[in-house]
């Protein structure tokens, strides 16, 4: 069985005039808080990953680093090619089931939604099968030649500290 975790980066600054390019927009205060909330929930559930891989774009890297602080993956937090919004999902979809240990991929939409649809149905769709809001995390298992969605976690669906 292979297990992967797909995470969309946290909410990023929309102030495009302030940054040299879209690739260097950081997480907002809310984005950091949402990722911290998801990361704490994953750690409390004792989620284990061998490695966290991100696109290299600042908001994805910051998201991956926060997750790494909570999950302490033995293989660390690394940048890889192929997780950006415009990248084709087919290469990762073909290879994901070969991962010997659970790994986490931190990237962008529409990549995450397209990848999930392709893994679960064998085809991409014009409408997302699974919606990845910012900071959303999904767990998928590959068993007997088929991917299944185990769970999807979104910060909006989690109780805030005030609601607890």
N, C-alpha and C. Protein backbone atom coordinates (compact mmCIF):
# COMPACT_ATOMS: atom_id res chain seq x y z
N UNK A 1 0.84 -1.19 0.00
CA UNK A 1 0.00 0.00 0.00
C UNK A 1 0.88 1.24 0.00
N UNK A 2 0.52 2.20 -0.81
CA UNK A 2 1.18 3.51 -0.81
C UNK A 2 0.22 4.51 -0.18
N UNK A 3 0.77 5.48 0.50
CA UNK A 3 -0.03 6.55 1.10
C UNK A 3 0.64 7.88 0.77
N UNK A 4 -0.17 8.83 0.27
CA UNK A 4 0.32 10.18 0.02
C UNK A 4 -0.61 11.18 0.68
N UNK A 5 -0.04 12.32 0.99
CA UNK A 5 -0.80 13.45 1.52
C UNK A 5 -0.63 14.61 0.56
N UNK A 6 -1.73 15.22 0.18
CA UNK A 6 -1.71 16.38 -0.71
C UNK A 6 -2.17 17.59 0.09
N UNK A 7 -1.41 18.67 0.01
CA UNK A 7 -1.72 19.89 0.77
C UNK A 7 -1.62 21.09 -0.15
N UNK A 8 -2.64 21.91 -0.12
CA UNK A 8 -2.56 23.20 -0.82
C UNK A 8 -1.97 24.21 0.16
N UNK A 9 -1.10 25.06 -0.34
CA UNK A 9 -0.46 26.08 0.50
C UNK A 9 -1.49 26.92 1.24
N UNK A 10 -1.06 27.57 2.31
CA UNK A 10 -1.93 28.47 3.06
C UNK A 10 -2.20 29.76 2.30
N UNK A 11 -3.11 30.53 2.84
CA UNK A 11 -3.52 31.80 2.22
C UNK A 11 -2.31 32.73 2.10
N UNK A 12 -2.13 33.27 0.90
CA UNK A 12 -0.97 34.13 0.61
C UNK A 12 -1.40 35.57 0.41
N UNK A 13 -0.46 36.48 0.58
CA UNK A 13 -0.69 37.89 0.37
C UNK A 13 -1.19 38.13 -1.05
N UNK A 14 -2.17 39.01 -1.19
CA UNK A 14 -2.69 39.37 -2.52
C UNK A 14 -2.08 40.67 -3.02
N UNK A 15 -1.23 41.30 -2.24
CA UNK A 15 -0.64 42.58 -2.58
C UNK A 15 0.48 42.40 -3.60
N UNK A 16 0.08 42.21 -4.87
CA UNK A 16 1.03 41.92 -5.94
C UNK A 16 2.04 43.06 -6.17
N UNK A 17 1.66 44.29 -5.91
CA UNK A 17 2.56 45.42 -6.14
C UNK A 17 3.73 45.41 -5.17
N UNK A 18 3.56 44.75 -4.05
CA UNK A 18 4.58 44.73 -3.00
C UNK A 18 5.70 43.73 -3.29
N UNK A 19 5.45 42.76 -4.18
CA UNK A 19 6.41 41.69 -4.41
C UNK A 19 6.88 41.67 -5.86
N UNK A 20 8.13 41.25 -6.05
CA UNK A 20 8.74 41.23 -7.38
C UNK A 20 8.04 40.26 -8.33
N UNK A 21 7.52 39.17 -7.79
CA UNK A 21 6.80 38.21 -8.62
C UNK A 21 5.82 37.42 -7.76
N UNK A 22 4.93 36.72 -8.43
CA UNK A 22 3.95 35.88 -7.74
C UNK A 22 4.65 34.80 -6.92
N UNK A 23 5.82 34.37 -7.34
CA UNK A 23 6.55 33.30 -6.68
C UNK A 23 7.06 33.66 -5.29
N UNK A 24 7.07 34.94 -4.94
CA UNK A 24 7.61 35.34 -3.64
C UNK A 24 6.55 35.93 -2.71
N UNK A 25 5.28 35.69 -3.03
CA UNK A 25 4.22 36.14 -2.12
C UNK A 25 4.21 35.22 -0.89
N UNK A 26 4.35 35.79 0.32
CA UNK A 26 4.38 34.96 1.53
C UNK A 26 2.98 34.65 2.04
N UNK A 27 2.93 33.75 3.01
CA UNK A 27 1.67 33.49 3.70
C UNK A 27 1.25 34.72 4.48
N UNK A 28 -0.04 34.91 4.58
CA UNK A 28 -0.58 35.96 5.45
C UNK A 28 -0.59 35.45 6.88
N UNK A 29 -0.90 36.33 7.81
CA UNK A 29 -1.04 35.92 9.21
C UNK A 29 -2.11 34.84 9.33
N UNK A 30 -3.23 35.04 8.66
CA UNK A 30 -4.31 34.04 8.65
C UNK A 30 -3.84 32.73 8.01
N UNK A 31 -3.09 32.85 6.91
CA UNK A 31 -2.56 31.66 6.24
C UNK A 31 -1.67 30.84 7.15
N UNK A 32 -0.79 31.53 7.88
CA UNK A 32 0.08 30.83 8.85
C UNK A 32 -0.74 30.16 9.95
N UNK A 33 -1.74 30.87 10.45
CA UNK A 33 -2.58 30.32 11.52
C UNK A 33 -3.33 29.08 11.03
N UNK A 34 -3.86 29.14 9.82
CA UNK A 34 -4.59 27.99 9.26
C UNK A 34 -3.67 26.78 9.09
N UNK A 35 -2.46 27.02 8.57
CA UNK A 35 -1.52 25.92 8.38
C UNK A 35 -1.10 25.35 9.74
N UNK A 36 -0.86 26.23 10.70
CA UNK A 36 -0.52 25.77 12.06
C UNK A 36 -1.64 24.88 12.61
N UNK A 37 -2.88 25.29 12.39
CA UNK A 37 -4.03 24.53 12.88
C UNK A 37 -4.08 23.15 12.23
N UNK A 38 -3.91 23.09 10.93
CA UNK A 38 -3.91 21.81 10.21
C UNK A 38 -2.73 20.96 10.68
N UNK A 39 -1.55 21.56 10.78
CA UNK A 39 -0.35 20.83 11.18
C UNK A 39 -0.51 20.25 12.59
N UNK A 40 -1.07 21.03 13.50
CA UNK A 40 -1.29 20.56 14.87
C UNK A 40 -2.27 19.39 14.89
N UNK A 41 -3.31 19.49 14.07
CA UNK A 41 -4.30 18.41 13.98
C UNK A 41 -3.65 17.13 13.43
N UNK A 42 -2.83 17.26 12.42
CA UNK A 42 -2.14 16.10 11.86
C UNK A 42 -1.19 15.48 12.87
N UNK A 43 -0.46 16.32 13.59
CA UNK A 43 0.45 15.81 14.61
C UNK A 43 -0.32 15.11 15.74
N UNK A 44 -1.44 15.69 16.15
CA UNK A 44 -2.25 15.07 17.20
C UNK A 44 -2.80 13.72 16.75
N UNK A 45 -3.06 13.58 15.45
CA UNK A 45 -3.55 12.32 14.90
C UNK A 45 -2.40 11.35 14.61
N UNK A 46 -1.19 11.76 14.95
CA UNK A 46 0.02 10.95 14.77
C UNK A 46 0.27 10.57 13.30
N UNK A 47 -0.03 11.52 12.41
CA UNK A 47 0.28 11.33 11.00
C UNK A 47 1.81 11.30 10.85
N UNK A 48 2.29 10.30 10.14
CA UNK A 48 3.73 10.17 9.90
C UNK A 48 4.00 10.23 8.41
N UNK A 49 4.99 11.03 8.04
CA UNK A 49 5.44 11.11 6.66
C UNK A 49 6.96 10.98 6.65
N UNK A 50 7.45 10.35 5.60
CA UNK A 50 8.90 10.20 5.44
C UNK A 50 9.53 11.52 5.02
N UNK A 51 8.79 12.27 4.17
CA UNK A 51 9.33 13.50 3.61
C UNK A 51 8.19 14.42 3.22
N UNK A 52 8.45 15.72 3.29
CA UNK A 52 7.51 16.73 2.80
C UNK A 52 8.18 17.40 1.60
N UNK A 53 7.48 17.40 0.47
CA UNK A 53 8.00 17.97 -0.78
C UNK A 53 7.13 19.13 -1.20
N UNK A 54 7.75 20.23 -1.60
CA UNK A 54 7.00 21.43 -1.99
C UNK A 54 7.50 21.97 -3.32
N UNK A 55 6.73 22.90 -3.88
CA UNK A 55 7.00 23.44 -5.21
C UNK A 55 8.16 24.41 -5.29
N UNK A 56 8.59 24.94 -4.16
CA UNK A 56 9.65 25.95 -4.17
C UNK A 56 9.13 27.37 -4.18
N UNK A 57 7.87 27.55 -4.50
CA UNK A 57 7.27 28.88 -4.43
C UNK A 57 7.11 29.23 -2.95
N UNK A 58 7.39 30.46 -2.59
CA UNK A 58 7.50 30.85 -1.18
C UNK A 58 6.33 30.40 -0.32
N UNK A 59 5.10 30.62 -0.75
CA UNK A 59 3.95 30.26 0.08
C UNK A 59 3.86 28.74 0.31
N UNK A 60 4.27 27.96 -0.68
CA UNK A 60 4.28 26.50 -0.53
C UNK A 60 5.43 26.08 0.39
N UNK A 61 6.57 26.73 0.23
CA UNK A 61 7.72 26.41 1.10
C UNK A 61 7.40 26.73 2.56
N UNK A 62 6.81 27.90 2.80
CA UNK A 62 6.45 28.26 4.18
C UNK A 62 5.44 27.28 4.76
N UNK A 63 4.47 26.87 3.95
CA UNK A 63 3.48 25.87 4.39
C UNK A 63 4.18 24.57 4.74
N UNK A 64 5.06 24.10 3.86
CA UNK A 64 5.79 22.85 4.09
C UNK A 64 6.66 22.92 5.34
N UNK A 65 7.28 24.07 5.56
CA UNK A 65 8.14 24.22 6.74
C UNK A 65 7.34 24.16 8.04
N UNK A 66 6.17 24.78 8.05
CA UNK A 66 5.30 24.72 9.23
C UNK A 66 4.87 23.27 9.47
N UNK A 67 4.46 22.59 8.42
CA UNK A 67 4.08 21.18 8.56
C UNK A 67 5.26 20.36 9.06
N UNK A 68 6.44 20.64 8.55
CA UNK A 68 7.65 19.92 8.97
C UNK A 68 7.98 20.12 10.43
N UNK A 69 7.73 21.32 10.96
CA UNK A 69 7.98 21.57 12.39
C UNK A 69 7.09 20.71 13.27
N UNK A 70 5.89 20.41 12.81
CA UNK A 70 4.95 19.61 13.58
C UNK A 70 5.12 18.10 13.36
N UNK A 71 5.47 17.72 12.13
CA UNK A 71 5.49 16.30 11.78
C UNK A 71 6.89 15.68 11.80
N UNK A 72 7.92 16.50 11.79
CA UNK A 72 9.31 16.03 11.87
C UNK A 72 9.62 14.86 10.93
N UNK A 73 9.46 15.04 9.64
CA UNK A 73 9.71 13.93 8.72
C UNK A 73 11.20 13.57 8.68
N UNK A 74 11.53 12.28 8.77
CA UNK A 74 12.94 11.86 8.74
C UNK A 74 13.67 12.32 7.48
N UNK A 75 12.97 12.36 6.34
CA UNK A 75 13.58 12.78 5.08
C UNK A 75 13.59 14.28 4.87
N UNK A 76 13.10 15.03 5.85
CA UNK A 76 13.13 16.48 5.78
C UNK A 76 12.06 17.10 4.89
N UNK A 77 12.25 18.39 4.64
CA UNK A 77 11.37 19.19 3.80
C UNK A 77 12.20 19.64 2.61
N UNK A 78 11.77 19.25 1.40
CA UNK A 78 12.58 19.54 0.21
C UNK A 78 11.74 20.14 -0.91
N UNK A 79 12.41 20.86 -1.78
CA UNK A 79 11.78 21.40 -2.99
C UNK A 79 11.94 20.38 -4.12
N UNK A 80 10.86 20.20 -4.89
CA UNK A 80 10.93 19.35 -6.08
C UNK A 80 10.25 20.06 -7.24
N UNK A 81 10.55 19.64 -8.43
CA UNK A 81 9.88 20.15 -9.62
C UNK A 81 8.57 19.40 -9.80
N UNK A 82 7.60 20.05 -10.48
CA UNK A 82 6.38 19.36 -10.86
C UNK A 82 5.18 19.58 -9.97
N UNK A 83 5.21 20.55 -9.05
CA UNK A 83 4.07 20.79 -8.16
C UNK A 83 3.44 22.18 -8.33
N UNK A 84 3.86 22.90 -9.35
CA UNK A 84 3.31 24.24 -9.57
C UNK A 84 1.96 24.16 -10.26
N UNK A 85 1.20 25.25 -10.16
CA UNK A 85 -0.17 25.27 -10.70
C UNK A 85 -0.23 24.91 -12.17
N UNK A 86 0.81 25.26 -12.94
CA UNK A 86 0.76 25.03 -14.38
C UNK A 86 1.41 23.70 -14.79
N UNK A 87 1.97 22.98 -13.86
CA UNK A 87 2.65 21.72 -14.18
C UNK A 87 1.64 20.62 -14.53
N UNK A 88 2.02 19.72 -15.44
CA UNK A 88 1.14 18.59 -15.73
C UNK A 88 1.10 17.63 -14.53
N UNK A 89 -0.06 17.09 -14.25
CA UNK A 89 -0.22 16.19 -13.10
C UNK A 89 0.12 14.73 -13.44
N UNK A 90 0.14 14.41 -14.71
CA UNK A 90 0.33 13.02 -15.12
C UNK A 90 1.62 12.38 -14.61
N UNK A 91 2.77 13.07 -14.63
CA UNK A 91 3.99 12.41 -14.13
C UNK A 91 3.87 11.97 -12.67
N UNK A 92 3.37 12.83 -11.80
CA UNK A 92 3.22 12.45 -10.40
C UNK A 92 2.15 11.37 -10.24
N UNK A 93 1.08 11.47 -11.00
CA UNK A 93 0.02 10.47 -10.93
C UNK A 93 0.55 9.08 -11.31
N UNK A 94 1.45 9.02 -12.28
CA UNK A 94 2.03 7.73 -12.71
C UNK A 94 2.97 7.15 -11.67
N UNK A 95 3.66 8.01 -10.91
CA UNK A 95 4.72 7.56 -10.01
C UNK A 95 4.31 7.45 -8.54
N UNK A 96 3.25 8.11 -8.14
CA UNK A 96 2.90 8.22 -6.71
C UNK A 96 2.74 6.86 -6.03
N UNK A 97 2.19 5.89 -6.72
CA UNK A 97 1.96 4.59 -6.09
C UNK A 97 3.26 3.82 -5.82
N UNK A 98 4.38 4.30 -6.35
CA UNK A 98 5.67 3.65 -6.14
C UNK A 98 6.39 4.12 -4.87
N UNK A 99 5.83 5.12 -4.20
CA UNK A 99 6.46 5.63 -2.98
C UNK A 99 6.47 4.53 -1.91
N UNK A 100 7.65 4.17 -1.38
CA UNK A 100 7.70 3.10 -0.39
C UNK A 100 7.20 3.53 1.00
N UNK A 101 7.25 4.82 1.27
CA UNK A 101 6.82 5.36 2.56
C UNK A 101 5.88 6.54 2.32
N UNK A 102 5.04 6.87 3.30
CA UNK A 102 4.13 8.01 3.13
C UNK A 102 4.92 9.31 2.91
N UNK A 103 4.48 10.08 1.92
CA UNK A 103 5.07 11.38 1.63
C UNK A 103 3.97 12.42 1.50
N UNK A 104 4.36 13.67 1.72
CA UNK A 104 3.42 14.79 1.62
C UNK A 104 3.89 15.71 0.51
N UNK A 105 2.95 16.13 -0.33
CA UNK A 105 3.23 17.06 -1.42
C UNK A 105 2.48 18.35 -1.13
N UNK A 106 3.20 19.48 -1.14
CA UNK A 106 2.59 20.78 -0.88
C UNK A 106 2.69 21.59 -2.17
N UNK A 107 1.51 21.96 -2.70
CA UNK A 107 1.50 22.67 -3.97
C UNK A 107 0.34 23.63 -4.09
N UNK A 108 -0.19 23.74 -5.29
CA UNK A 108 -1.10 24.80 -5.68
C UNK A 108 -2.31 24.24 -6.43
N UNK A 109 -3.34 25.07 -6.55
CA UNK A 109 -4.45 24.75 -7.45
C UNK A 109 -4.18 25.42 -8.79
N UNK A 110 -4.63 24.86 -9.88
CA UNK A 110 -5.51 23.70 -9.99
C UNK A 110 -4.77 22.36 -9.91
N UNK A 111 -3.45 22.39 -9.72
CA UNK A 111 -2.68 21.15 -9.72
C UNK A 111 -3.23 20.13 -8.72
N UNK A 112 -3.46 20.53 -7.47
CA UNK A 112 -3.91 19.58 -6.44
C UNK A 112 -5.27 18.98 -6.78
N UNK A 113 -6.19 19.81 -7.25
CA UNK A 113 -7.52 19.31 -7.61
C UNK A 113 -7.46 18.40 -8.84
N UNK A 114 -6.65 18.76 -9.82
CA UNK A 114 -6.51 17.94 -11.02
C UNK A 114 -5.85 16.60 -10.70
N UNK A 115 -4.81 16.64 -9.87
CA UNK A 115 -4.11 15.41 -9.49
C UNK A 115 -5.05 14.48 -8.74
N UNK A 116 -5.81 15.02 -7.80
CA UNK A 116 -6.74 14.20 -7.02
C UNK A 116 -7.78 13.55 -7.93
N UNK A 117 -8.35 14.32 -8.83
CA UNK A 117 -9.34 13.77 -9.76
C UNK A 117 -8.72 12.67 -10.62
N UNK A 118 -7.53 12.90 -11.12
CA UNK A 118 -6.87 11.90 -11.96
C UNK A 118 -6.58 10.62 -11.18
N UNK A 119 -6.10 10.75 -9.95
CA UNK A 119 -5.81 9.57 -9.14
C UNK A 119 -7.08 8.78 -8.81
N UNK A 120 -8.14 9.49 -8.47
CA UNK A 120 -9.36 8.81 -8.01
C UNK A 120 -10.22 8.27 -9.15
N UNK A 121 -10.19 8.94 -10.30
CA UNK A 121 -11.11 8.54 -11.39
C UNK A 121 -10.41 8.11 -12.67
N UNK A 122 -9.11 8.42 -12.78
CA UNK A 122 -8.40 8.12 -14.01
C UNK A 122 -8.48 9.21 -15.05
N UNK A 123 -9.17 10.31 -14.72
CA UNK A 123 -9.28 11.42 -15.67
C UNK A 123 -9.38 12.74 -14.90
N UNK A 124 -8.94 13.82 -15.56
CA UNK A 124 -9.13 15.15 -14.99
C UNK A 124 -10.52 15.62 -15.36
N UNK A 125 -11.06 16.54 -14.59
CA UNK A 125 -12.41 17.03 -14.82
C UNK A 125 -12.42 18.55 -14.86
N UNK A 126 -13.39 19.11 -15.58
CA UNK A 126 -13.53 20.57 -15.59
C UNK A 126 -13.99 21.08 -14.22
N UNK A 127 -14.75 20.26 -13.52
CA UNK A 127 -15.17 20.59 -12.16
C UNK A 127 -14.37 19.75 -11.18
N UNK A 128 -13.87 20.36 -10.10
CA UNK A 128 -13.06 19.58 -9.16
C UNK A 128 -13.88 18.49 -8.46
N UNK A 129 -13.30 17.32 -8.39
CA UNK A 129 -13.90 16.21 -7.65
C UNK A 129 -13.76 16.46 -6.15
N UNK A 130 -12.60 16.98 -5.77
CA UNK A 130 -12.31 17.37 -4.39
C UNK A 130 -11.81 18.81 -4.44
N UNK A 131 -12.43 19.68 -3.65
CA UNK A 131 -12.04 21.09 -3.62
C UNK A 131 -10.95 21.31 -2.58
N UNK A 132 -9.84 21.88 -3.01
CA UNK A 132 -8.75 22.20 -2.10
C UNK A 132 -8.77 23.70 -1.81
N UNK A 133 -9.36 24.06 -0.67
CA UNK A 133 -9.25 25.44 -0.22
C UNK A 133 -7.82 25.64 0.28
N UNK A 134 -7.42 26.88 0.52
CA UNK A 134 -6.07 27.10 1.04
C UNK A 134 -5.94 26.37 2.37
N UNK A 135 -4.78 25.78 2.56
CA UNK A 135 -4.41 24.99 3.75
C UNK A 135 -5.07 23.62 3.84
N UNK A 136 -5.88 23.24 2.86
CA UNK A 136 -6.55 21.93 2.90
C UNK A 136 -5.52 20.82 2.74
N UNK A 137 -5.77 19.71 3.42
CA UNK A 137 -4.90 18.53 3.36
C UNK A 137 -5.77 17.31 3.09
N UNK A 138 -5.27 16.43 2.23
CA UNK A 138 -5.99 15.19 1.92
C UNK A 138 -5.04 14.01 2.07
N UNK A 139 -5.59 12.88 2.46
CA UNK A 139 -4.85 11.63 2.56
C UNK A 139 -5.44 10.66 1.54
N UNK A 140 -4.57 10.09 0.70
CA UNK A 140 -5.00 9.10 -0.29
C UNK A 140 -4.18 7.83 -0.12
N UNK A 141 -4.85 6.71 -0.21
CA UNK A 141 -4.19 5.40 -0.14
C UNK A 141 -4.32 4.69 -1.47
N UNK A 142 -3.27 3.96 -1.83
CA UNK A 142 -3.26 3.13 -3.03
C UNK A 142 -3.28 1.68 -2.58
N UNK A 143 -4.41 1.01 -2.79
CA UNK A 143 -4.58 -0.37 -2.37
C UNK A 143 -5.15 -1.17 -3.53
N UNK A 144 -4.51 -2.28 -3.83
CA UNK A 144 -4.97 -3.19 -4.88
C UNK A 144 -5.23 -2.47 -6.20
N UNK A 145 -4.29 -1.58 -6.57
CA UNK A 145 -4.36 -0.92 -7.86
C UNK A 145 -5.32 0.25 -7.96
N UNK A 146 -5.84 0.72 -6.83
CA UNK A 146 -6.83 1.81 -6.85
C UNK A 146 -6.53 2.83 -5.75
N UNK A 147 -6.60 4.11 -6.11
CA UNK A 147 -6.48 5.18 -5.12
C UNK A 147 -7.83 5.43 -4.46
N UNK A 148 -7.82 5.68 -3.17
CA UNK A 148 -9.03 6.07 -2.45
C UNK A 148 -8.73 7.29 -1.59
N UNK A 149 -9.72 8.13 -1.44
CA UNK A 149 -9.61 9.29 -0.56
C UNK A 149 -9.95 8.82 0.85
N UNK A 150 -8.99 8.92 1.76
CA UNK A 150 -9.19 8.48 3.14
C UNK A 150 -9.83 9.60 3.96
N UNK A 151 -9.30 10.82 3.82
CA UNK A 151 -9.89 11.98 4.49
C UNK A 151 -9.44 13.27 3.82
N UNK A 152 -10.21 14.32 4.10
CA UNK A 152 -9.90 15.68 3.65
C UNK A 152 -10.10 16.59 4.84
N UNK A 153 -9.12 17.42 5.12
CA UNK A 153 -9.16 18.31 6.27
C UNK A 153 -9.01 19.75 5.80
N UNK A 154 -9.96 20.59 6.17
CA UNK A 154 -9.93 22.01 5.80
C UNK A 154 -10.02 22.85 7.06
N UNK A 155 -9.27 23.94 7.14
CA UNK A 155 -9.32 24.75 8.36
C UNK A 155 -10.71 25.33 8.64
N UNK A 156 -11.48 25.66 7.60
CA UNK A 156 -12.82 26.22 7.82
C UNK A 156 -13.75 25.24 8.51
N UNK A 157 -13.48 23.96 8.34
CA UNK A 157 -14.36 22.92 8.92
C UNK A 157 -13.94 22.55 10.33
N UNK A 158 -12.81 23.08 10.80
CA UNK A 158 -12.32 22.74 12.13
C UNK A 158 -12.76 23.78 13.13
N UNK A 159 -13.06 23.38 14.37
CA UNK A 159 -13.44 24.38 15.37
C UNK A 159 -12.26 25.28 15.70
N UNK A 160 -12.54 26.55 15.90
CA UNK A 160 -11.49 27.47 16.31
C UNK A 160 -11.31 27.33 17.81
N UNK A 161 -10.27 27.97 18.32
CA UNK A 161 -10.02 27.89 19.75
C UNK A 161 -11.20 28.46 20.55
N UNK A 162 -11.86 29.46 20.00
CA UNK A 162 -13.01 30.06 20.69
C UNK A 162 -14.20 29.10 20.73
N UNK A 163 -14.30 28.22 19.71
CA UNK A 163 -15.44 27.31 19.63
C UNK A 163 -15.24 26.06 20.47
N UNK A 164 -14.02 25.77 20.88
CA UNK A 164 -13.73 24.55 21.65
C UNK A 164 -14.25 24.64 23.06
